[in-house]
Protein backbone atom coordinates (compact mmCIF):
# COMPACT_ATOMS: atom_id res chain seq x y z
CA MET A 1 16.19 21.94 -3.03
CA LEU A 2 18.11 20.72 0.03
CA SER A 3 18.25 16.94 0.16
CA ARG A 4 17.03 16.94 3.77
CA THR A 5 13.93 18.94 2.82
CA ALA A 6 13.24 16.60 -0.10
CA ASP A 7 13.73 13.64 2.26
CA HIS A 8 11.09 14.91 4.71
CA LEU A 9 8.59 15.59 1.92
CA PHE A 10 9.18 12.19 0.34
CA TRP A 11 8.71 10.31 3.61
CA MET A 12 5.78 12.43 4.74
CA ALA A 13 3.96 11.27 1.61
CA ARG A 14 5.07 7.67 1.97
CA TYR A 15 3.93 7.41 5.58
CA ILE A 16 0.45 8.83 4.99
CA GLU A 17 0.04 6.51 1.98
CA ARG A 18 1.31 3.56 4.06
CA ALA A 19 -1.23 4.29 6.79
CA GLU A 20 -4.00 4.29 4.20
CA ASN A 21 -2.88 1.06 2.61
CA THR A 22 -2.44 -0.67 5.97
CA ALA A 23 -6.04 0.32 6.71
CA ARG A 24 -7.12 -1.10 3.35
CA MET A 25 -5.30 -4.39 3.95
CA LEU A 26 -6.73 -4.78 7.44
CA ASP A 27 -10.20 -3.98 6.17
CA VAL A 28 -9.96 -6.88 3.71
CA ASN A 29 -9.02 -9.29 6.47
CA VAL A 30 -11.72 -8.08 8.84
CA THR A 31 -14.33 -8.39 6.09
CA THR A 32 -13.26 -11.85 4.94
CA SER A 33 -12.94 -13.11 8.52
CA LEU A 34 -16.71 -12.63 8.85
CA LEU A 35 -17.31 -15.26 6.16
CA PRO A 36 -18.05 -18.82 7.29
CA MET A 37 -14.71 -20.64 7.45
CA SER A 38 -12.70 -22.79 9.81
CA ARG A 39 -10.48 -21.30 12.48
CA GLU A 40 -7.42 -22.60 10.63
CA ALA A 41 -8.45 -20.87 7.40
CA ALA A 42 -9.07 -17.59 9.22
CA GLU A 43 -5.70 -17.81 10.95
CA ARG A 44 -3.96 -18.44 7.62
CA GLY A 45 -5.46 -15.20 6.34
CA TRP A 46 -4.12 -13.16 9.25
CA ARG A 47 -0.71 -14.85 9.05
CA ALA A 48 -0.54 -14.19 5.31
CA MET A 49 -1.14 -10.50 5.94
CA LEU A 50 1.61 -10.36 8.58
CA GLY A 51 3.93 -12.33 6.32
CA ILE A 52 3.50 -10.19 3.23
CA SER A 53 4.01 -7.10 5.42
CA GLU A 54 7.24 -8.68 6.76
CA LEU A 55 5.92 -8.36 10.31
CA GLN A 56 5.49 -12.01 11.30
CA PRO A 57 8.74 -12.25 13.34
CA ALA A 58 8.01 -8.99 15.18
CA PHE A 59 4.46 -10.11 15.96
CA ASP A 60 5.57 -13.54 17.18
CA ALA A 61 8.14 -11.91 19.45
CA ARG A 62 5.40 -9.84 21.09
CA PHE A 63 2.52 -12.33 21.22
CA GLY A 64 2.57 -16.00 22.01
CA LYS A 65 -0.61 -16.84 20.08
CA LEU A 66 -2.23 -15.27 17.06
CA THR A 67 -5.66 -13.73 17.53
CA PRO A 68 -7.42 -11.19 15.29
CA ARG A 69 -7.64 -8.73 18.19
CA ASP A 70 -3.88 -8.88 18.77
CA VAL A 71 -3.13 -8.47 15.05
CA LEU A 72 -5.39 -5.42 14.85
CA ASP A 73 -3.83 -3.94 17.96
CA PHE A 74 -0.33 -4.60 16.61
CA MET A 75 -1.07 -3.16 13.17
CA VAL A 76 -3.10 -0.15 14.31
CA ARG A 77 -1.94 1.24 17.65
CA ASP A 78 1.34 -0.43 18.63
CA PRO A 79 4.05 2.26 18.99
CA GLY A 80 6.71 -0.47 18.80
CA ASN A 81 5.63 -1.44 15.28
CA GLN A 82 7.00 1.22 12.93
CA SER A 83 4.51 0.15 10.26
CA SER A 84 1.44 0.53 12.48
CA ILE A 85 -1.13 3.15 11.53
CA TYR A 86 -0.30 5.02 14.74
CA CYS A 87 3.41 5.22 13.90
CA CYS A 88 2.79 6.05 10.24
CA LEU A 89 0.50 8.99 11.02
CA GLN A 90 2.90 10.19 13.71
CA ALA A 91 5.86 9.98 11.30
CA ALA A 92 3.91 11.77 8.56
CA ARG A 93 3.08 14.60 10.97
CA GLU A 94 6.69 14.86 12.25
CA ASN A 95 8.10 14.98 8.73
CA ALA A 96 5.54 17.65 7.83
CA ARG A 97 6.47 19.66 10.93
CA ALA A 98 10.16 19.52 9.99
CA VAL A 99 9.43 21.26 6.66
CA ARG A 100 6.45 23.32 7.75
CA GLY A 101 7.81 26.38 5.96
CA THR A 102 7.87 24.50 2.65
CA LEU A 103 4.28 23.29 2.93
CA THR A 104 1.17 25.38 2.49
CA THR A 105 -0.79 26.14 5.67
CA GLU A 106 -3.60 23.83 4.50
CA VAL A 107 -1.27 20.85 4.01
CA TRP A 108 0.37 21.29 7.41
CA GLU A 109 -2.93 21.73 9.23
CA THR A 110 -4.35 18.62 7.55
CA HIS A 111 -1.46 16.43 8.76
CA ASN A 112 -1.50 17.98 12.21
CA ASP A 113 -5.27 17.61 12.57
CA THR A 114 -5.11 13.97 11.46
CA TRP A 115 -2.64 13.21 14.23
CA LEU A 116 -4.70 15.07 16.83
CA GLN A 117 -7.93 13.30 15.81
CA LEU A 118 -6.25 9.89 15.97
CA GLN A 119 -5.78 10.07 19.74
CA PRO A 120 -9.47 10.21 20.75
CA HIS A 121 -10.38 7.63 18.09
CA LEU A 122 -8.00 5.13 19.65
CA LYS A 123 -9.11 5.94 23.20
CA ASN A 124 -12.89 5.87 22.67
CA GLY A 125 -12.92 2.31 21.32
CA LEU A 126 -13.89 3.08 17.71
CA LEU A 127 -11.57 0.36 16.43
CA GLU A 128 -13.20 -2.26 18.67
CA ARG A 129 -16.79 -1.10 17.98
CA ASP A 130 -16.56 -0.64 14.24
CA PRO A 131 -13.20 -1.45 12.59
CA HIS A 132 -14.59 -0.59 9.14
CA GLU A 133 -15.52 2.93 10.24
CA PHE A 134 -12.06 3.47 11.71
CA PHE A 135 -10.36 2.27 8.53
CA GLU A 136 -12.62 4.51 6.45
CA TRP A 137 -11.54 7.45 8.60
CA VAL A 138 -7.86 6.65 7.96
CA LYS A 139 -8.51 6.44 4.21
CA PHE A 140 -10.47 9.70 4.25
CA ARG A 141 -7.65 11.55 6.02
CA SER A 142 -5.17 10.27 3.44
CA HIS A 143 -7.48 11.35 0.62
CA LEU A 144 -7.85 14.75 2.23
CA SER A 145 -4.09 15.17 2.56
CA ARG A 146 -3.54 14.25 -1.07
CA GLY A 147 -6.35 16.50 -2.32
CA VAL A 148 -5.19 19.50 -0.30
CA THR A 149 -1.64 18.98 -1.57
CA ILE A 150 -2.75 18.90 -5.20
CA GLY A 151 -5.10 21.85 -4.73
CA THR A 152 -2.80 24.22 -2.83
CA THR A 153 0.82 23.36 -3.65
CA LEU A 154 2.94 25.05 -6.30
CA LYS A 155 4.08 22.42 -8.81
CA ASP A 156 7.74 22.77 -8.01
CA GLU A 157 10.31 20.27 -6.70
CA ALA A 158 8.56 20.02 -3.33
CA TYR A 159 5.36 18.93 -5.07
CA TYR A 160 7.17 16.33 -7.16
CA PHE A 161 8.95 14.74 -4.20
CA ILE A 162 5.59 14.40 -2.45
CA ARG A 163 4.13 12.74 -5.54
CA LEU A 164 7.13 10.45 -5.88
CA GLY A 165 6.76 9.22 -2.30
CA THR A 166 3.02 8.69 -2.73
CA PHE A 167 3.15 6.55 -5.85
CA LEU A 168 6.25 4.55 -4.95
CA GLU A 169 4.53 3.57 -1.70
CA ARG A 170 1.25 2.88 -3.50
CA SER A 171 2.84 0.51 -5.98
CA ASP A 172 4.43 -1.41 -3.12
CA ASN A 173 1.23 -1.67 -1.11
CA THR A 174 -1.08 -2.58 -4.00
CA ALA A 175 1.27 -5.47 -4.78
CA ARG A 176 1.16 -6.55 -1.14
CA ILE A 177 -2.64 -6.40 -0.94
CA LEU A 178 -2.91 -8.55 -4.07
CA ASP A 179 -0.17 -10.94 -2.95
CA THR A 180 -1.77 -11.56 0.45
CA LYS A 181 -3.99 -14.11 -1.32
CA PHE A 182 -1.00 -16.04 -2.62
CA HIS A 183 1.66 -15.48 0.03
CA GLY A 184 3.31 -18.74 0.92
CA VAL A 185 1.80 -20.63 -2.01
CA GLY A 186 5.02 -20.56 -4.04
CA PRO A 187 5.40 -21.06 -7.81
CA GLN A 188 2.46 -22.79 -9.43
CA PRO A 189 2.43 -24.67 -12.70
CA SER A 190 -1.12 -23.52 -13.28
CA ALA A 191 -2.32 -19.96 -13.60
CA LEU A 192 -3.78 -19.71 -10.11
CA PRO A 193 -3.94 -21.91 -7.05
CA PRO A 194 -7.21 -23.83 -6.89
CA VAL A 195 -10.02 -22.37 -4.84
CA GLU A 196 -9.63 -25.14 -2.29
CA ASP A 197 -6.17 -23.82 -1.35
CA SER A 198 -7.58 -20.58 -0.03
CA THR A 199 -11.24 -20.99 0.78
CA GLU A 200 -13.39 -23.87 1.93
CA GLU A 201 -16.32 -23.28 -0.44
CA PRO A 202 -16.07 -22.04 -4.05
CA TYR A 203 -18.64 -19.29 -3.48
CA LEU A 204 -16.42 -17.79 -0.79
CA ASP A 205 -13.83 -16.95 -3.43
CA PHE A 206 -16.25 -14.44 -4.97
CA TYR A 207 -16.67 -12.62 -1.66
CA TYR A 208 -12.94 -12.61 -1.05
CA TRP A 209 -12.13 -11.00 -4.41
CA ALA A 210 -14.99 -8.55 -4.01
CA ALA A 211 -13.45 -7.52 -0.68
CA VAL A 212 -10.03 -7.11 -2.34
CA LEU A 213 -11.56 -4.88 -5.03
CA ARG A 214 -13.38 -2.77 -2.45
CA SER A 215 -10.17 -2.43 -0.45
CA VAL A 216 -8.58 -0.56 -3.34
CA SER A 217 -11.77 1.29 -4.35
CA ALA A 218 -12.02 -0.80 -7.51
CA PHE A 219 -15.29 -2.71 -7.18
CA GLU A 220 -17.32 -0.28 -9.30
CA ILE A 221 -14.42 0.10 -11.73
CA TYR A 222 -14.28 -3.69 -12.20
CA ARG A 223 -18.00 -3.79 -13.00
CA LYS A 224 -17.60 -0.94 -15.49
CA VAL A 225 -14.59 -2.46 -17.25
CA TYR A 226 -15.50 -6.16 -17.36
CA ARG A 227 -19.29 -6.23 -16.85
CA ASP A 228 -19.07 -9.86 -15.79
CA VAL A 229 -18.53 -12.18 -12.85
CA ILE A 230 -15.50 -11.47 -10.68
CA THR A 231 -12.59 -13.79 -11.48
CA PRO A 232 -9.10 -13.82 -9.92
CA SER A 233 -7.33 -13.36 -13.26
CA ARG A 234 -9.33 -10.25 -14.11
CA VAL A 235 -8.82 -8.83 -10.63
CA ALA A 236 -5.08 -9.34 -11.07
CA GLU A 237 -5.16 -7.74 -14.52
CA LEU A 238 -7.10 -4.72 -13.24
CA LEU A 239 -4.82 -4.14 -10.25
CA MET A 240 -1.61 -4.73 -12.15
CA LEU A 241 -1.81 -3.93 -15.86
CA ARG A 242 -4.59 -1.34 -16.33
CA GLY A 243 -3.09 2.13 -16.59
CA ASP A 244 -6.53 3.71 -16.22
CA MET A 245 -7.10 2.09 -12.82
CA PRO A 246 -5.84 4.73 -10.30
CA ARG A 247 -4.31 2.30 -7.78
CA SER A 248 -2.91 -0.25 -10.23
CA LEU A 249 0.77 -1.11 -10.42
CA LEU A 250 1.03 0.33 -13.93
CA ALA A 251 -0.72 3.60 -13.02
CA SER A 252 1.59 4.01 -10.01
CA MET A 253 4.72 3.31 -12.06
CA ASN A 254 3.55 5.74 -14.76
CA GLU A 255 3.46 8.44 -12.08
CA VAL A 256 6.85 7.41 -10.65
CA CYS A 257 8.50 7.58 -14.07
CA SER A 258 6.96 10.92 -15.04
CA THR A 259 7.90 12.41 -11.68
CA LEU A 260 11.49 11.18 -11.95
CA ASP A 261 11.68 12.98 -15.29
CA GLN A 262 10.72 16.23 -13.54
CA ILE A 263 13.41 16.02 -10.84
CA ARG A 264 16.21 14.14 -12.60
CA ASN A 265 19.81 15.15 -11.91
CA ASP A 266 23.26 14.14 -13.13
CA GLN A 267 23.30 10.86 -11.20
CA SER A 268 19.71 9.67 -11.55
CA ASP A 269 19.80 8.26 -15.09
CA GLU A 270 20.18 4.67 -13.88
CA THR A 271 17.27 5.08 -11.45
CA SER A 272 15.07 6.43 -14.26
CA ARG A 273 16.15 3.54 -16.50
CA ARG A 274 15.23 0.91 -13.91
CA ALA A 275 11.90 2.58 -13.25
CA GLY A 276 11.24 2.61 -17.00
CA LEU A 277 12.06 -1.08 -17.31
CA LEU A 278 9.71 -1.90 -14.45
CA ARG A 279 6.94 0.13 -16.07
CA ALA A 280 7.56 -1.45 -19.48
CA GLY A 281 7.12 -4.93 -18.03
CA LEU A 282 3.68 -3.91 -16.81
CA GLN A 283 2.73 -1.83 -19.84
CA TYR A 284 3.47 -4.59 -22.34
CA GLY A 285 2.85 -7.58 -20.11
CA ARG A 286 -0.04 -9.99 -20.51
CA ILE A 287 -1.89 -11.38 -17.54
CA ASP A 288 -1.94 -14.91 -19.00
CA ASP A 289 1.85 -14.95 -19.24
CA ILE A 290 2.19 -13.67 -15.68
CA LEU A 291 -0.23 -16.26 -14.32
CA ASP A 292 1.49 -19.07 -16.24
CA THR A 293 4.76 -18.33 -14.43
CA GLY A 294 3.04 -17.69 -11.08
CA LEU A 295 1.50 -14.54 -9.66
CA HIS A 296 3.24 -14.77 -6.30
CA PRO A 297 6.77 -15.01 -7.80
CA PHE A 298 5.98 -12.10 -10.12
CA LEU A 299 4.77 -9.89 -7.27
CA THR A 300 7.71 -10.90 -5.07
CA ALA A 301 10.13 -9.84 -7.81
CA PHE A 302 8.15 -6.62 -8.33
CA LEU A 303 8.39 -5.75 -4.62
CA LYS A 304 12.16 -6.31 -4.66
CA ARG A 305 12.54 -3.99 -7.65
CA VAL A 306 10.37 -1.31 -6.03
CA ASN A 307 12.52 -1.56 -2.89
CA ASP A 308 15.62 -1.17 -5.08
CA LEU A 309 14.07 1.94 -6.65
CA GLY A 310 13.44 3.41 -3.21
CA GLN A 311 17.07 2.85 -2.22
CA ARG A 312 18.35 4.39 -5.44
CA ILE A 313 16.07 7.42 -5.03
CA SER A 314 17.52 7.91 -1.56
CA GLN A 315 21.06 7.75 -2.96
CA ASP A 316 20.31 10.11 -5.84
CA PHE A 317 18.18 12.77 -4.15
CA LEU A 318 17.66 12.31 -0.42
CA VAL A 319 19.50 12.08 2.87
CA PRO A 320 21.42 8.78 3.15
CA PRO A 321 19.69 6.35 5.58
CA ALA A 322 22.59 6.48 8.05
CA VAL A 323 22.18 10.26 8.39
CA ARG A 324 18.44 10.19 9.20
C-alpha cells in the first residue's frame, strides 16, 4: 500500500476517534459542573481539562477569562483549534475523501454525512440547549463509522491502518480522561490525593467517578465486575489494566500490538518492541504499585510513550510529517 494512502486512513480513524473522546471528556465536565461546588472548584475542573489536552496556552491567547461557555465553544466549534470537534470531523471527512476509492461506499457516506449533519447541529443551538444530546450524537456517529468499517471493509492493509489509528488514539484519550482528575497534582506519596483536593464534599467524589465511568461507557461494566461501591482505585484499575474492558489502556494496546503484527515491515521491529513493552507494563502491572508511585506520573509517562509510538509509526509506514 502507498504510504500516503495508509497515512490518510490512519488519520481518518484518529480524527473520528478524537472527536468522540473530546465529546466524552467535555460531557464529564458538563455533568460534574452541575454538582454543588464553589466557582473556584468548577474552574479548576475546566482548566484541568484544557491542561491535560495541552490547550491551555491556546485558550488563554484567545480568551481573557475562563468561562464554561467559552471552553465549550473553543473545544467544539472553533475552527482555529485543530483539536476541536468541528476540526476533527472535518479532518476525518477530508482524509476519507482523499482515499475514497480505497473505502467502501458505506464508510465514505458515513463520514460525509457526519460532516454534513454537523453544520445544522451547530447552527440550531443544540450545543447550548442540550450539551449532553450533542455529545451523544458525536459518539453515535463515531460508533457508526467504526461499525460500518468493521462490517463492510475487507480485512487487508487498509483495514489494519484504520484499526491502528483508532486504538492508538483511544489509548491516548482514555489516559487523558482519567488523568483530568489528577492533572497538576504531581507525585503523591499516598495512593491517591485526598478527596478534599478535588471536591468539597466526600459524597461528590462518588458522582465524579460515576461521571468518568459513564464517559467511557463503563458504568454498567464496573457494576458487573466489582459489584460494590465506586472507588477511585477500582476505576483506575478498570480503565487501565482490564483487558476485557473495551476502552481500557490494556485493551487498546492489545489491539495496537496485534495490528502492528499484521502490517510489520523490515524497519518496524523497534516500533513493535516498544509497543510490546508498553503493553507488558499494563498486562503485568498492579494497580496498588501504580498508585503507590502516583497515578498522574504514570499516566504522563504513558502519554509520552504513546506519542513516541505515533511518531515511530509515521516513520515506519506513513508520510513524514513535513510532507503532509
